[in-house]
């Protein structure tokens, strides 16, 4: 089953002010009894955290709310065009 897509009636995110960063630090450091600390990867993949802005009118705000609350049920993933690339 494919993910729902960003509604075509909503504008894309604004490119200015968009930031992308790892959702969490992927390194675990463990102290050893002797010698330097051991460092290793926590997982093989880290999701990205996007922070962006979208300029919406009143009707578009309602469309976004319906999309998030009904279609995504507040937690499901969705497909959209990467605002950075």
N, C-alpha and C. Protein backbone atom coordinates (compact mmCIF):
# COMPACT_ATOMS: atom_id res chain seq x y z
N UNK A 1 0.84 -1.17 0.00
CA UNK A 1 0.00 0.00 0.00
C UNK A 1 0.89 1.24 0.00
N UNK A 2 0.60 2.19 -0.86
CA UNK A 2 1.42 3.40 -0.95
C UNK A 2 0.96 4.44 0.07
N UNK A 3 1.86 5.37 0.34
CA UNK A 3 1.55 6.46 1.27
C UNK A 3 0.62 7.47 0.61
N UNK A 4 -0.21 8.16 1.39
CA UNK A 4 -0.98 9.27 0.84
C UNK A 4 -0.02 10.37 0.37
N UNK A 5 -0.46 11.17 -0.57
CA UNK A 5 0.37 12.26 -1.10
C UNK A 5 -0.10 13.60 -0.54
N UNK A 6 0.84 14.55 -0.46
CA UNK A 6 0.53 15.93 -0.08
C UNK A 6 -0.61 16.41 -0.98
N UNK A 7 -1.68 16.98 -0.44
CA UNK A 7 -2.82 17.38 -1.26
C UNK A 7 -2.42 18.38 -2.37
N UNK A 8 -2.88 18.11 -3.56
CA UNK A 8 -2.53 18.97 -4.71
C UNK A 8 -3.13 20.37 -4.58
N UNK A 9 -4.14 20.53 -3.73
CA UNK A 9 -4.76 21.85 -3.54
C UNK A 9 -3.97 22.73 -2.57
N UNK A 10 -2.94 22.16 -1.94
CA UNK A 10 -2.09 22.94 -1.03
C UNK A 10 -0.80 23.33 -1.73
N UNK A 11 -0.29 24.54 -1.43
CA UNK A 11 0.97 24.96 -2.04
C UNK A 11 2.14 24.16 -1.45
N UNK A 12 3.25 24.12 -2.18
CA UNK A 12 4.44 23.46 -1.63
C UNK A 12 5.02 24.29 -0.49
N UNK A 13 5.85 23.69 0.35
CA UNK A 13 6.50 24.44 1.43
C UNK A 13 7.36 25.56 0.85
N UNK A 14 7.52 26.62 1.63
CA UNK A 14 8.39 27.72 1.23
C UNK A 14 9.84 27.28 1.36
N UNK A 15 10.65 27.57 0.35
CA UNK A 15 12.05 27.13 0.40
C UNK A 15 12.87 27.94 1.41
N UNK A 16 12.51 29.20 1.64
CA UNK A 16 13.25 29.99 2.62
C UNK A 16 12.87 29.56 4.02
N UNK A 17 13.86 29.36 4.85
CA UNK A 17 13.62 28.98 6.23
C UNK A 17 13.44 27.48 6.44
N UNK A 18 13.57 26.68 5.38
CA UNK A 18 13.45 25.23 5.52
C UNK A 18 14.77 24.68 6.03
N UNK A 19 14.68 23.84 7.07
CA UNK A 19 15.88 23.20 7.59
C UNK A 19 15.66 21.69 7.62
N UNK A 20 16.75 20.96 7.46
CA UNK A 20 16.74 19.51 7.52
C UNK A 20 17.86 19.08 8.45
N UNK A 21 17.55 18.23 9.41
CA UNK A 21 18.57 17.74 10.33
C UNK A 21 18.19 16.33 10.75
N UNK A 22 19.17 15.55 11.22
CA UNK A 22 18.83 14.21 11.70
C UNK A 22 17.86 14.31 12.88
N UNK A 23 16.95 13.36 12.98
CA UNK A 23 15.95 13.38 14.05
C UNK A 23 16.57 13.10 15.42
N UNK A 24 17.71 12.41 15.45
CA UNK A 24 18.39 12.14 16.71
C UNK A 24 19.85 11.83 16.45
N UNK A 25 20.65 11.90 17.50
CA UNK A 25 22.07 11.57 17.42
C UNK A 25 22.18 10.06 17.28
N UNK A 26 22.90 9.59 16.27
CA UNK A 26 22.96 8.17 15.97
C UNK A 26 24.21 7.49 16.54
N UNK A 27 24.86 8.10 17.50
CA UNK A 27 26.08 7.53 18.07
C UNK A 27 25.88 7.23 19.55
N UNK A 28 26.26 6.04 19.95
CA UNK A 28 26.24 5.64 21.36
C UNK A 28 27.68 5.58 21.83
N UNK A 29 27.96 6.18 22.97
CA UNK A 29 29.30 6.15 23.56
C UNK A 29 29.23 5.35 24.85
N UNK A 30 30.12 4.36 24.97
CA UNK A 30 30.17 3.51 26.16
C UNK A 30 31.54 3.63 26.80
N UNK A 31 31.57 3.91 28.10
CA UNK A 31 32.85 3.99 28.82
C UNK A 31 33.41 2.59 29.02
N UNK A 32 34.70 2.46 28.86
CA UNK A 32 35.40 1.20 29.07
C UNK A 32 36.17 1.26 30.39
N UNK A 33 36.48 0.11 30.96
CA UNK A 33 37.27 0.08 32.20
C UNK A 33 38.66 0.64 31.97
N UNK A 34 39.18 0.40 30.79
CA UNK A 34 40.51 0.91 30.44
C UNK A 34 40.48 1.37 28.99
N UNK A 35 41.24 2.40 28.69
CA UNK A 35 41.34 2.90 27.32
C UNK A 35 40.21 3.86 26.97
N UNK A 36 40.18 4.24 25.70
CA UNK A 36 39.18 5.22 25.26
C UNK A 36 37.77 4.64 25.24
N UNK A 37 36.80 5.51 25.25
CA UNK A 37 35.40 5.09 25.16
C UNK A 37 35.14 4.42 23.82
N UNK A 38 34.18 3.51 23.83
CA UNK A 38 33.77 2.82 22.60
C UNK A 38 32.62 3.61 21.99
N UNK A 39 32.68 3.88 20.69
CA UNK A 39 31.61 4.60 19.98
C UNK A 39 31.10 3.72 18.86
N UNK A 40 29.79 3.66 18.73
CA UNK A 40 29.19 2.86 17.66
C UNK A 40 27.88 3.49 17.20
N UNK A 41 27.44 3.06 16.02
CA UNK A 41 26.18 3.53 15.48
C UNK A 41 25.02 2.93 16.26
N UNK A 42 24.00 3.73 16.50
CA UNK A 42 22.80 3.26 17.19
C UNK A 42 21.93 2.45 16.22
N UNK A 43 21.75 2.95 15.02
CA UNK A 43 20.95 2.29 13.99
C UNK A 43 21.63 2.45 12.64
N UNK A 44 21.14 1.74 11.63
CA UNK A 44 21.72 1.86 10.29
C UNK A 44 21.09 2.99 9.49
N UNK A 45 19.99 3.56 9.99
CA UNK A 45 19.30 4.63 9.28
C UNK A 45 18.70 5.61 10.27
N UNK A 46 18.83 6.90 10.01
CA UNK A 46 18.26 7.94 10.86
C UNK A 46 17.30 8.78 10.02
N UNK A 47 16.05 8.92 10.44
CA UNK A 47 15.13 9.76 9.68
C UNK A 47 15.53 11.23 9.78
N UNK A 48 15.15 11.99 8.77
CA UNK A 48 15.39 13.43 8.78
C UNK A 48 14.21 14.16 9.41
N UNK A 49 14.51 15.24 10.11
CA UNK A 49 13.48 16.10 10.68
C UNK A 49 13.43 17.38 9.84
N UNK A 50 12.29 17.62 9.18
CA UNK A 50 12.09 18.81 8.37
C UNK A 50 11.38 19.87 9.20
N UNK A 51 11.84 21.10 9.10
CA UNK A 51 11.14 22.24 9.66
C UNK A 51 10.94 23.21 8.51
N UNK A 52 9.69 23.58 8.24
CA UNK A 52 9.41 24.44 7.10
C UNK A 52 8.15 25.27 7.36
N UNK A 53 7.83 26.15 6.46
CA UNK A 53 6.63 26.97 6.54
C UNK A 53 5.82 26.82 5.26
N UNK A 54 4.52 26.95 5.41
CA UNK A 54 3.61 26.91 4.27
C UNK A 54 2.66 28.09 4.43
N UNK A 55 2.48 28.86 3.36
CA UNK A 55 1.56 30.00 3.39
C UNK A 55 0.18 29.54 2.91
N UNK A 56 -0.82 29.60 3.82
CA UNK A 56 -2.15 29.07 3.52
C UNK A 56 -3.23 30.10 3.78
N UNK A 57 -4.31 30.03 2.98
CA UNK A 57 -5.49 30.83 3.29
C UNK A 57 -6.42 29.99 4.17
N UNK A 58 -7.57 30.51 4.54
CA UNK A 58 -8.48 29.82 5.46
C UNK A 58 -8.94 28.46 4.97
N UNK A 59 -9.32 28.36 3.70
CA UNK A 59 -9.76 27.08 3.15
C UNK A 59 -8.63 26.07 3.14
N UNK A 60 -7.42 26.52 2.82
CA UNK A 60 -6.27 25.63 2.78
C UNK A 60 -5.89 25.12 4.17
N UNK A 61 -6.08 25.97 5.19
CA UNK A 61 -5.84 25.52 6.57
C UNK A 61 -6.77 24.36 6.90
N UNK A 62 -8.03 24.47 6.52
CA UNK A 62 -8.98 23.39 6.78
C UNK A 62 -8.60 22.14 6.00
N UNK A 63 -8.15 22.29 4.76
CA UNK A 63 -7.69 21.14 3.97
C UNK A 63 -6.52 20.45 4.66
N UNK A 64 -5.57 21.24 5.18
CA UNK A 64 -4.42 20.66 5.87
C UNK A 64 -4.85 19.93 7.14
N UNK A 65 -5.74 20.53 7.90
CA UNK A 65 -6.23 19.88 9.13
C UNK A 65 -6.92 18.55 8.81
N UNK A 66 -7.75 18.54 7.78
CA UNK A 66 -8.43 17.30 7.39
C UNK A 66 -7.42 16.25 6.93
N UNK A 67 -6.42 16.68 6.17
CA UNK A 67 -5.38 15.76 5.70
C UNK A 67 -4.65 15.13 6.89
N UNK A 68 -4.24 15.95 7.85
CA UNK A 68 -3.48 15.45 9.01
C UNK A 68 -4.35 14.58 9.90
N UNK A 69 -5.53 15.08 10.25
CA UNK A 69 -6.37 14.37 11.24
C UNK A 69 -7.08 13.15 10.67
N UNK A 70 -7.56 13.24 9.43
CA UNK A 70 -8.35 12.16 8.85
C UNK A 70 -7.50 11.21 8.01
N UNK A 71 -6.80 11.77 7.03
CA UNK A 71 -6.02 10.93 6.13
C UNK A 71 -4.82 10.31 6.83
N UNK A 72 -4.06 11.13 7.56
CA UNK A 72 -2.85 10.65 8.22
C UNK A 72 -3.11 10.13 9.63
N UNK A 73 -4.31 10.34 10.14
CA UNK A 73 -4.66 9.95 11.50
C UNK A 73 -3.60 10.43 12.50
N UNK A 74 -3.06 11.62 12.24
CA UNK A 74 -2.06 12.31 13.06
C UNK A 74 -0.66 11.68 13.05
N UNK A 75 -0.48 10.49 12.52
CA UNK A 75 0.82 9.82 12.66
C UNK A 75 1.35 9.15 11.40
N UNK A 76 0.53 8.91 10.40
CA UNK A 76 0.97 8.14 9.23
C UNK A 76 1.91 8.96 8.35
N UNK A 77 2.81 8.29 7.63
CA UNK A 77 3.71 9.00 6.71
C UNK A 77 2.95 9.42 5.45
N UNK A 78 3.53 10.38 4.73
CA UNK A 78 2.94 10.80 3.47
C UNK A 78 4.07 11.18 2.51
N UNK A 79 3.75 11.20 1.22
CA UNK A 79 4.73 11.53 0.18
C UNK A 79 4.56 12.99 -0.24
N UNK A 80 5.68 13.65 -0.47
CA UNK A 80 5.67 15.02 -0.98
C UNK A 80 7.00 15.30 -1.64
N UNK A 81 7.09 16.42 -2.31
CA UNK A 81 8.32 16.82 -2.98
C UNK A 81 9.25 17.43 -1.94
N UNK A 82 10.48 16.99 -1.91
CA UNK A 82 11.48 17.50 -0.97
C UNK A 82 11.70 18.98 -1.23
N UNK A 83 11.41 19.86 -0.26
CA UNK A 83 11.53 21.30 -0.50
C UNK A 83 12.98 21.77 -0.65
N UNK A 84 13.95 20.97 -0.25
CA UNK A 84 15.35 21.37 -0.34
C UNK A 84 15.90 21.08 -1.73
N UNK A 85 15.54 19.92 -2.29
CA UNK A 85 16.07 19.55 -3.61
C UNK A 85 15.05 19.75 -4.70
